[in-house]
N, C-alpha and C. Protein backbone atom coordinates (compact mmCIF):
# COMPACT_ATOMS: atom_id res chain seq x y z
N UNK A 1 110.85 85.88 16.51
CA UNK A 1 110.37 85.23 15.10
C UNK A 1 109.33 86.05 14.73
N UNK A 2 108.52 86.50 14.96
CA UNK A 2 106.82 86.68 14.46
C UNK A 2 107.07 88.41 14.11
N UNK A 3 107.30 88.76 15.24
CA UNK A 3 107.61 90.28 15.21
C UNK A 3 108.53 90.61 13.95
N UNK A 4 109.47 89.58 13.92
CA UNK A 4 110.31 90.05 12.89
C UNK A 4 109.90 89.43 11.24
N UNK A 5 109.02 88.77 11.08
CA UNK A 5 108.38 88.98 10.22
C UNK A 5 107.54 89.44 10.05
N UNK A 6 106.47 89.75 10.76
CA UNK A 6 105.78 91.22 10.37
C UNK A 6 106.48 92.44 10.01
N UNK A 7 107.81 92.79 10.53
CA UNK A 7 108.49 93.94 10.16
C UNK A 7 109.10 93.76 8.34
N UNK A 8 109.30 92.68 8.32
CA UNK A 8 109.59 91.97 6.88
C UNK A 8 108.74 92.30 5.85
N UNK A 9 107.21 91.75 6.30
CA UNK A 9 106.04 91.93 5.92
C UNK A 9 105.75 93.02 5.45
N UNK A 10 106.07 94.34 6.07
CA UNK A 10 105.68 95.94 5.28
C UNK A 10 106.49 96.14 4.56
N UNK A 11 107.41 95.58 4.19
CA UNK A 11 108.20 95.59 3.03
C UNK A 11 108.31 94.70 1.62
N UNK A 12 107.76 93.38 2.01
CA UNK A 12 108.40 92.59 1.45
C UNK A 12 107.00 91.49 1.33
N UNK A 13 106.80 91.40 -0.03
CA UNK A 13 105.83 90.44 -0.51
C UNK A 13 105.58 89.18 0.48
N UNK A 14 104.92 88.93 0.98
CA UNK A 14 104.45 87.39 1.71
C UNK A 14 104.96 86.11 0.86
N UNK A 15 104.52 86.04 -0.17
CA UNK A 15 105.28 84.93 -0.71
C UNK A 15 106.85 85.01 -0.85
N UNK A 16 107.35 86.16 -0.86
CA UNK A 16 108.69 86.52 -1.68
C UNK A 16 109.63 86.04 -0.06
N UNK A 17 109.03 85.98 1.04
CA UNK A 17 109.82 86.59 2.75
C UNK A 17 110.44 84.70 2.92
N UNK A 18 111.43 84.76 3.12
CA UNK A 18 112.75 83.11 3.19
C UNK A 18 112.74 83.12 4.70
N UNK A 19 113.39 81.85 4.85
CA UNK A 19 113.89 81.77 6.69
C UNK A 19 115.16 83.14 6.78
N UNK A 20 115.80 82.78 5.17
CA UNK A 20 116.71 83.36 5.71
C UNK A 20 116.58 85.17 6.20
N UNK A 21 115.95 85.87 5.45
CA UNK A 21 115.07 87.33 5.88
C UNK A 21 114.65 86.64 7.19
N UNK A 22 113.98 86.19 7.89
CA UNK A 22 113.07 86.22 9.07
C UNK A 22 114.93 85.74 10.19
N UNK A 23 115.36 85.30 9.92
CA UNK A 23 116.53 84.70 11.06
C UNK A 23 117.81 85.96 11.06
N UNK A 24 118.04 86.72 9.91
CA UNK A 24 118.21 87.99 9.97
C UNK A 24 117.71 89.10 10.58
N UNK A 25 116.76 88.84 10.40
CA UNK A 25 116.11 90.30 10.36
C UNK A 25 115.58 89.91 12.03
N UNK A 26 115.52 88.71 12.92
CA UNK A 26 115.55 88.27 14.24
C UNK A 26 116.84 88.13 14.93
N UNK A 27 117.62 88.30 14.11
CA UNK A 27 119.14 87.86 15.29
C UNK A 27 119.29 86.68 15.31
N UNK A 28 118.92 85.65 14.92
CA UNK A 28 118.75 84.13 15.36
C UNK A 28 119.52 83.32 14.16
N UNK A 29 120.03 82.19 14.92
CA UNK A 29 120.51 81.30 13.98
C UNK A 29 119.15 80.43 13.09
N UNK A 30 119.61 79.72 12.41
CA UNK A 30 118.75 78.97 11.90
C UNK A 30 118.10 78.22 12.53
N UNK A 31 118.84 76.98 13.30
CA UNK A 31 117.86 76.12 14.18
C UNK A 31 117.26 76.38 14.64
N UNK A 32 116.93 77.46 15.26
CA UNK A 32 116.45 78.46 16.33
C UNK A 32 114.57 79.14 15.39
N UNK A 33 114.96 79.26 14.68
CA UNK A 33 113.53 78.97 13.56
C UNK A 33 113.12 77.79 13.53
N UNK A 34 113.77 76.53 12.86
CA UNK A 34 113.33 75.34 12.93
C UNK A 34 113.23 74.75 14.39
N UNK A 35 113.18 74.99 15.59
CA UNK A 35 112.85 74.83 16.52
C UNK A 35 111.67 74.88 17.02
N UNK A 36 110.89 76.09 16.39
CA UNK A 36 109.72 76.65 16.03
C UNK A 36 108.87 76.51 15.39
N UNK A 37 108.97 76.12 13.71
CA UNK A 37 108.25 76.17 12.57
C UNK A 37 109.10 75.26 11.95
N UNK A 38 108.45 74.71 10.89
CA UNK A 38 109.31 73.91 10.02
C UNK A 38 109.26 74.72 8.63
N UNK A 39 109.00 75.67 8.25
CA UNK A 39 109.35 76.23 7.49
C UNK A 39 108.23 77.70 7.50
N UNK A 40 108.70 78.74 6.25
CA UNK A 40 107.54 79.98 6.71
C UNK A 40 106.43 79.76 6.34
N UNK A 41 105.88 78.64 5.60
CA UNK A 41 104.58 78.25 5.51
C UNK A 41 103.81 77.75 6.63
N UNK A 42 104.92 76.98 7.87
CA UNK A 42 104.33 76.61 8.71
C UNK A 42 104.05 77.71 9.68
N UNK A 43 105.16 78.63 9.88
CA UNK A 43 105.09 80.20 10.22
C UNK A 43 103.60 80.88 9.90
N UNK A 44 103.57 81.07 8.50
CA UNK A 44 102.39 81.50 8.22
C UNK A 44 100.94 80.93 9.14
N UNK A 45 100.75 79.73 8.89
CA UNK A 45 99.92 78.84 8.95
C UNK A 45 99.85 79.07 10.53
N UNK A 46 100.21 79.24 11.47
CA UNK A 46 100.46 79.52 12.79
C UNK A 46 99.58 80.93 13.18
N UNK A 47 100.33 82.04 12.19
CA UNK A 47 100.32 83.05 12.32
C UNK A 47 98.58 83.83 12.06
N UNK A 48 98.29 82.76 10.82
CA UNK A 48 96.94 82.72 10.92
C UNK A 48 95.53 82.34 11.66
N UNK A 49 96.29 81.17 12.09
CA UNK A 49 95.58 80.25 13.49
C UNK A 49 95.58 81.48 14.10
N UNK A 50 96.22 82.34 14.91
CA UNK A 50 96.17 82.90 16.05
C UNK A 50 95.34 84.45 15.18
N UNK A 51 95.56 84.76 14.12
CA UNK A 51 94.64 85.90 14.12
C UNK A 51 93.49 85.53 14.08
N UNK A 52 93.03 84.65 13.59
CA UNK A 52 91.22 84.18 13.16
C UNK A 52 91.12 83.61 14.60
N UNK A 53 91.61 83.28 15.69
CA UNK A 53 91.40 83.22 16.96
C UNK A 53 91.51 84.23 17.27
N UNK A 54 92.05 85.34 17.58
CA UNK A 54 92.15 87.16 17.97
C UNK A 54 90.30 87.39 17.67
N UNK A 55 90.21 87.06 16.44
CA UNK A 55 89.09 87.82 15.78
C UNK A 55 88.16 87.40 16.44
N UNK A 56 88.03 85.98 16.24
CA UNK A 56 86.70 85.62 16.94
C UNK A 56 87.16 85.78 18.86
N UNK A 57 87.91 86.25 19.26
CA UNK A 57 87.64 86.37 20.46
C UNK A 57 86.91 87.79 20.42
N UNK A 58 87.31 88.62 19.99
CA UNK A 58 86.73 90.18 19.48
C UNK A 58 85.18 89.53 19.20
N UNK A 59 84.93 88.95 18.85
CA UNK A 59 83.31 88.79 17.86
C UNK A 59 82.77 88.44 19.13
N UNK A 60 83.43 87.56 20.50
CA UNK A 60 82.97 86.50 20.88
C UNK A 60 82.23 88.30 21.84
N UNK A 61 83.19 89.17 22.42
CA UNK A 61 82.55 90.26 22.82
C UNK A 61 81.56 91.10 22.47
N UNK A 62 81.13 90.95 20.98
CA UNK A 62 80.10 91.81 20.78
C UNK A 62 78.34 91.00 20.91
N UNK A 63 77.71 91.87 21.81
CA UNK A 63 76.39 91.44 21.88
C UNK A 63 75.55 92.82 21.33
N UNK A 64 75.12 92.77 20.35
CA UNK A 64 74.07 93.27 19.38
C UNK A 64 72.90 93.73 19.96
N UNK A 65 72.71 95.08 20.26
CA UNK A 65 72.04 95.69 20.56
C UNK A 65 71.82 97.15 19.74
N UNK A 66 70.37 97.46 19.95
CA UNK A 66 70.25 98.74 19.05
C UNK A 66 70.87 99.96 19.63
N UNK A 67 72.00 99.81 19.88
CA UNK A 67 72.78 101.01 20.30
C UNK A 67 73.92 101.39 19.47
N UNK A 68 74.09 102.34 18.83
CA UNK A 68 74.93 102.81 18.09
C UNK A 68 76.22 102.87 18.61
N UNK A 69 76.38 103.20 19.68
CA UNK A 69 77.38 103.97 20.52
C UNK A 69 78.32 102.33 20.75
N UNK A 70 77.52 101.30 21.43
CA UNK A 70 77.94 100.17 21.36
C UNK A 70 78.84 99.39 19.80
N UNK A 71 78.08 99.43 18.53
CA UNK A 71 78.47 99.03 17.72
C UNK A 71 79.28 99.40 17.07
N UNK A 72 79.48 100.97 16.99
CA UNK A 72 80.54 101.54 16.72
C UNK A 72 81.98 101.17 17.69
N UNK A 73 81.63 101.38 18.20
CA UNK A 73 83.36 100.92 19.67
C UNK A 73 83.61 99.49 19.41
N UNK A 74 82.86 98.55 19.02
CA UNK A 74 83.35 97.38 18.76
C UNK A 74 83.75 97.19 17.37
N UNK A 75 82.93 97.86 16.08
CA UNK A 75 83.77 97.70 14.79
C UNK A 75 85.08 98.71 14.87
N UNK A 76 84.97 99.89 15.50
CA UNK A 76 86.18 100.73 15.42
C UNK A 76 87.71 99.62 16.23
N UNK A 77 87.05 98.66 16.80
CA UNK A 77 88.28 97.83 17.72
C UNK A 77 88.48 97.28 17.05
N UNK A 78 88.13 96.58 15.60
CA UNK A 78 88.09 95.67 14.77
C UNK A 78 88.81 96.63 13.61
N UNK A 79 88.48 97.84 13.22
CA UNK A 79 89.57 98.67 12.51
C UNK A 79 90.82 98.82 13.05
N UNK A 80 90.43 99.06 14.65
CA UNK A 80 92.17 98.96 15.03
C UNK A 80 93.08 97.74 15.04
N UNK A 81 92.18 96.90 15.19
CA UNK A 81 92.95 95.10 15.19
C UNK A 81 93.44 95.00 13.46
N UNK A 82 92.79 95.44 13.06
CA UNK A 82 93.34 95.16 11.37
C UNK A 82 94.45 96.28 11.46
N UNK A 83 94.24 97.31 11.65
CA UNK A 83 95.79 98.67 11.19
C UNK A 83 97.00 97.96 12.06
N UNK A 84 96.29 97.40 13.39
CA UNK A 84 97.75 97.12 14.24
C UNK A 84 98.43 95.88 13.79
N UNK A 85 97.50 94.73 13.25
CA UNK A 85 98.42 93.93 12.72
C UNK A 85 98.50 93.58 11.03
N UNK A 86 99.14 93.46 11.26
CA UNK A 86 100.41 94.05 9.25
C UNK A 86 99.89 92.86 8.77
N UNK A 87 100.33 91.39 9.25
CA UNK A 87 99.32 89.89 8.69
C UNK A 87 98.12 90.12 8.10
N UNK A 88 97.26 90.42 9.14
CA UNK A 88 95.68 90.98 8.91
C UNK A 88 95.47 91.35 7.94
N UNK A 89 96.05 92.77 7.90
CA UNK A 89 96.00 93.36 6.95
C UNK A 89 96.51 92.59 5.19
N UNK A 90 97.80 92.02 5.34
CA UNK A 90 98.35 91.20 4.20
C UNK A 90 97.22 90.93 3.94
N UNK A 91 97.06 89.57 4.50
CA UNK A 91 95.71 88.51 4.51
C UNK A 91 94.79 89.07 3.63
N UNK A 92 93.87 89.99 4.55
CA UNK A 92 92.67 90.64 4.18
C UNK A 92 92.91 91.27 2.55
N UNK A 93 94.15 91.51 2.19
CA UNK A 93 94.30 92.68 1.29
C UNK A 93 94.84 91.81 -0.22
N UNK A 94 94.84 90.68 -0.17
CA UNK A 94 95.76 89.93 -0.99
C UNK A 94 94.37 88.98 -2.04
N UNK A 95 94.86 87.80 -2.40
CA UNK A 95 94.49 87.77 -3.28
C UNK A 95 94.45 85.84 -2.29
N UNK A 96 95.83 85.73 -1.33
CA UNK A 96 95.70 84.66 -0.60
C UNK A 96 94.46 84.40 0.80
N UNK A 97 93.72 85.33 0.65
CA UNK A 97 92.70 85.24 1.77
C UNK A 97 91.95 84.06 1.66
N UNK A 98 91.97 84.03 -0.38
CA UNK A 98 90.99 82.63 -0.79
C UNK A 98 91.80 81.25 -0.53
N UNK A 99 92.82 81.22 0.17
CA UNK A 99 93.46 79.92 -0.07
C UNK A 99 93.63 79.17 1.80
N UNK A 100 92.90 80.28 2.62
CA UNK A 100 92.59 79.94 3.61
C UNK A 100 91.64 80.14 4.38
N UNK A 101 90.25 79.89 3.06
CA UNK A 101 88.87 80.10 3.20
C UNK A 101 88.53 78.89 3.86
N UNK A 102 88.84 77.89 3.42
CA UNK A 102 88.63 76.51 4.25
C UNK A 102 88.95 76.55 5.65
N UNK A 103 89.65 76.94 6.15
CA UNK A 103 89.85 77.60 7.53
C UNK A 103 89.07 78.21 8.02
N UNK A 104 88.88 79.35 7.67
CA UNK A 104 88.52 80.42 8.40
C UNK A 104 86.75 80.33 8.32
N UNK A 105 86.56 79.64 7.23
CA UNK A 105 85.05 79.06 6.92
C UNK A 105 85.10 78.26 8.16
N UNK A 106 85.19 77.25 8.54
CA UNK A 106 84.90 76.50 9.63
C UNK A 106 85.19 77.02 10.39
N UNK A 107 85.90 77.83 11.10
CA UNK A 107 86.13 78.31 12.34
C UNK A 107 84.63 79.30 12.35
N UNK A 108 84.68 80.01 11.11
CA UNK A 108 82.70 80.87 11.16
C UNK A 108 81.85 80.41 11.70
N UNK A 109 81.68 78.77 10.78
CA UNK A 109 80.46 78.00 10.78
C UNK A 109 80.74 77.36 12.43
N UNK A 110 82.02 77.44 13.23
CA UNK A 110 81.87 77.10 14.45
C UNK A 110 81.42 78.14 15.74
N UNK A 111 81.54 79.37 15.08
CA UNK A 111 81.45 80.26 16.11
C UNK A 111 80.07 80.67 15.72
N UNK A 112 79.18 80.59 14.77
CA UNK A 112 78.02 80.57 14.15
C UNK A 112 77.23 79.60 15.07
N UNK A 113 77.63 78.23 14.72
CA UNK A 113 76.55 77.46 15.73
C UNK A 113 76.79 77.10 17.33
N UNK A 114 78.01 77.95 17.57
CA UNK A 114 78.18 78.13 18.93
C UNK A 114 76.74 79.57 19.45
N UNK A 115 77.06 80.51 18.74
CA UNK A 115 76.52 81.75 18.95
C UNK A 115 74.49 80.84 19.06
N UNK A 116 74.15 80.39 17.30
CA UNK A 116 72.80 80.01 17.91
C UNK A 116 72.43 79.30 18.70
N UNK A 117 73.06 78.24 19.37
CA UNK A 117 73.34 77.85 20.81
C UNK A 117 72.99 78.23 21.90
N UNK A 118 73.60 79.45 22.10
CA UNK A 118 73.61 80.28 23.12
C UNK A 118 72.70 81.70 23.10
N UNK A 119 71.51 81.81 22.08
CA UNK A 119 70.66 83.09 21.65
C UNK A 119 69.13 83.10 21.91
N UNK A 120 68.96 83.50 22.11
CA UNK A 120 67.11 83.40 22.39
C UNK A 120 66.34 84.20 21.06
N UNK A 121 66.35 82.99 19.98
CA UNK A 121 65.92 83.25 18.61
C UNK A 121 64.72 84.52 18.57
N UNK A 122 63.65 84.73 19.42
CA UNK A 122 62.54 84.81 19.74
C UNK A 122 61.97 85.26 18.04
N UNK A 123 61.46 83.58 17.73
CA UNK A 123 60.42 83.54 16.71
C UNK A 123 61.16 83.06 15.48
N UNK A 124 62.64 82.69 15.97
CA UNK A 124 63.48 82.58 14.30
C UNK A 124 64.09 81.37 14.20
N UNK A 125 63.97 80.52 13.13
CA UNK A 125 64.36 79.29 13.56
C UNK A 125 66.42 79.53 13.52
N UNK A 126 67.13 78.58 14.44
CA UNK A 126 68.57 78.43 14.41
C UNK A 126 68.95 78.57 13.02
N UNK A 127 68.69 77.65 12.23
CA UNK A 127 68.96 78.07 10.34
C UNK A 127 68.79 79.41 10.08
N UNK A 128 67.81 80.22 10.56
CA UNK A 128 67.84 81.57 9.73
C UNK A 128 68.54 82.26 10.60
N UNK A 129 68.64 82.39 11.37
CA UNK A 129 69.77 83.09 12.21
C UNK A 129 70.88 82.79 11.97
N UNK A 130 71.38 81.58 12.11
CA UNK A 130 72.87 81.90 11.51
C UNK A 130 73.06 82.17 10.03
N UNK A 131 72.23 82.12 9.74
CA UNK A 131 72.78 82.34 8.34
C UNK A 131 72.34 84.35 8.21
N UNK A 132 72.05 84.45 9.16
CA UNK A 132 71.67 86.19 9.09
C UNK A 132 73.21 86.69 9.94
N UNK A 133 73.99 85.84 10.91
CA UNK A 133 75.10 85.99 11.37
C UNK A 133 76.37 85.62 9.98
N UNK A 134 76.17 84.69 9.83
CA UNK A 134 77.09 85.00 8.27
C UNK A 134 77.34 85.87 7.41
N UNK A 135 76.04 86.12 7.08
CA UNK A 135 75.86 87.28 6.19
C UNK A 135 76.42 88.98 7.24
N UNK A 136 76.09 88.41 8.23
CA UNK A 136 77.07 89.74 8.99
C UNK A 136 78.40 89.63 8.90
N UNK A 137 79.04 88.57 9.34
CA UNK A 137 80.07 88.32 9.40
C UNK A 137 80.86 88.47 7.60
N UNK A 138 80.33 87.69 6.52
CA UNK A 138 80.76 87.94 5.61
C UNK A 138 81.01 89.83 4.35
N UNK A 139 79.94 90.44 5.38
CA UNK A 139 79.83 91.80 5.28
C UNK A 139 80.92 92.64 5.69
N UNK A 140 80.93 91.94 7.31
CA UNK A 140 82.12 92.70 7.97
C UNK A 140 83.46 92.63 7.06
N UNK A 141 83.62 90.94 6.94
CA UNK A 141 84.83 91.07 6.40
C UNK A 141 85.47 91.61 4.83
N UNK A 142 84.28 91.56 4.24
CA UNK A 142 84.19 92.15 2.65
C UNK A 142 84.53 93.68 2.76
N UNK A 143 84.17 94.37 3.93
CA UNK A 143 84.97 95.57 3.79
C UNK A 143 85.78 96.05 4.33
N UNK A 144 86.20 95.21 5.12
CA UNK A 144 87.89 95.26 5.63
C UNK A 144 88.56 94.62 4.60
N UNK A 145 88.42 93.78 3.58
CA UNK A 145 88.71 93.28 2.51
C UNK A 145 89.27 94.61 1.64
N UNK A 146 88.15 95.43 0.99
CA UNK A 146 88.17 96.46 0.41
C UNK A 146 88.94 97.95 1.15
N UNK A 147 88.63 97.77 2.67
CA UNK A 147 89.62 98.58 2.67
C UNK A 147 91.27 98.17 2.79
N UNK A 148 91.69 97.20 3.06
CA UNK A 148 93.07 97.24 3.07
C UNK A 148 93.56 96.92 1.92
N UNK A 149 92.74 96.60 0.71
CA UNK A 149 92.94 96.75 -0.56
C UNK A 149 93.00 98.07 -1.19
N UNK A 150 92.14 99.25 -0.65
CA UNK A 150 92.15 100.39 -0.69
C UNK A 150 93.36 101.10 0.46
N UNK A 151 94.46 100.23 0.72
CA UNK A 151 95.74 101.06 1.78
C UNK A 151 95.22 101.56 2.79
N UNK A 152 94.09 101.30 3.55
CA UNK A 152 93.43 101.97 4.52
C UNK A 152 93.38 103.09 4.73
N UNK A 153 92.78 103.97 3.32
CA UNK A 153 92.98 105.04 2.64
C UNK A 153 92.10 106.01 3.92
N UNK A 154 90.74 105.12 3.30
CA UNK A 154 89.67 105.56 4.46
C UNK A 154 89.83 105.64 5.69
N UNK A 155 89.48 106.87 6.88
CA UNK A 155 89.90 106.40 8.02
C UNK A 155 88.99 105.64 8.88
N UNK A 156 89.68 105.23 9.73
CA UNK A 156 88.84 103.90 10.44
C UNK A 156 87.36 104.43 11.04
N UNK A 157 87.19 105.55 11.20
CA UNK A 157 86.48 105.98 12.55
C UNK A 157 85.14 106.40 11.14
N UNK A 158 85.85 106.33 9.83
CA UNK A 158 84.27 106.13 8.72
C UNK A 158 84.13 104.74 8.46
N UNK A 159 85.02 104.16 8.65
CA UNK A 159 84.21 102.43 8.19
C UNK A 159 83.88 101.76 9.18
N UNK A 160 84.48 102.46 11.17
CA UNK A 160 83.26 101.77 11.67
C UNK A 160 81.99 102.34 11.90
N UNK A 161 81.97 103.45 11.25
CA UNK A 161 80.84 103.93 10.74
C UNK A 161 79.78 103.24 10.12
N UNK A 162 80.58 103.17 9.33
CA UNK A 162 80.00 102.31 7.67
C UNK A 162 79.50 101.00 8.31
N UNK A 163 80.27 100.34 8.93
CA UNK A 163 80.22 98.79 9.40
C UNK A 163 78.81 99.14 10.23
N UNK A 164 78.74 99.86 10.98
CA UNK A 164 77.79 100.04 12.40
C UNK A 164 76.49 100.26 11.98
N UNK A 165 76.58 100.85 10.75
CA UNK A 165 75.21 101.81 10.18
C UNK A 165 74.60 99.92 9.21
N UNK A 166 75.42 99.63 8.71
CA UNK A 166 75.40 98.58 7.90
C UNK A 166 74.44 96.90 9.02
N UNK A 167 75.43 97.18 10.38
CA UNK A 167 74.88 96.09 11.53
C UNK A 167 73.39 96.96 11.54
N UNK A 168 73.41 97.70 11.94
CA UNK A 168 72.09 98.53 12.38
C UNK A 168 71.02 98.34 11.74
N UNK A 169 71.10 98.83 10.46
CA UNK A 169 69.80 99.14 9.54
C UNK A 169 70.00 98.18 8.67
N UNK A 170 70.54 97.34 8.33
CA UNK A 170 69.93 96.14 7.71
C UNK A 170 70.26 94.71 8.31
N UNK A 171 71.03 94.17 9.10
CA UNK A 171 71.12 92.95 9.86
C UNK A 171 70.32 92.97 11.46
N UNK A 172 70.39 93.93 11.80
CA UNK A 172 69.70 93.61 13.08
C UNK A 172 68.34 93.68 13.04
N UNK A 173 67.47 94.76 12.26
CA UNK A 173 66.06 94.96 12.10
C UNK A 173 65.61 93.43 11.60
N UNK A 174 66.65 93.30 10.80
CA UNK A 174 65.94 91.16 10.43
C UNK A 174 66.21 90.67 11.50
N UNK A 175 67.51 90.69 12.56
CA UNK A 175 67.43 89.57 13.42
C UNK A 175 66.70 89.81 14.53
N UNK A 176 65.99 90.92 14.38
CA UNK A 176 65.46 90.97 15.56
C UNK A 176 64.10 90.42 15.70
């Protein structure tokens, strides 16, 4: 069902996809769809939850250090995930991102809270450190949003370099 939805999403606006489109593409009967989801909105919500979870799982692997190669590898992995996840690209590149801001912001808040609890702050308050993490996340999402709105025209390697430089020269010195 999800794979079929993603295939349809490549050619059709997310708000115009119907249950009929999905079941036809998936080669299933309507009741099979409804055994898993109430409607398209429920399918989309489930995919948003999974995508956000995947991104946070990827974020948890990032241990920022003043190492350009580590940062570049992380941001390149994030770009690859954006490219290979048409749902994320669609979500980032559309005004729909605002509709799910509350859910995403709650997850960001939980991530930032967890990160500040487990971090050595070295002279910084937890509040200040949490703002720096939030700023880094916001900057990253902003760049990915623009990139997807521009149809991924800039090579992913260049986006990863921009994100790496922004982090290493902008946020990391302030956080250190």
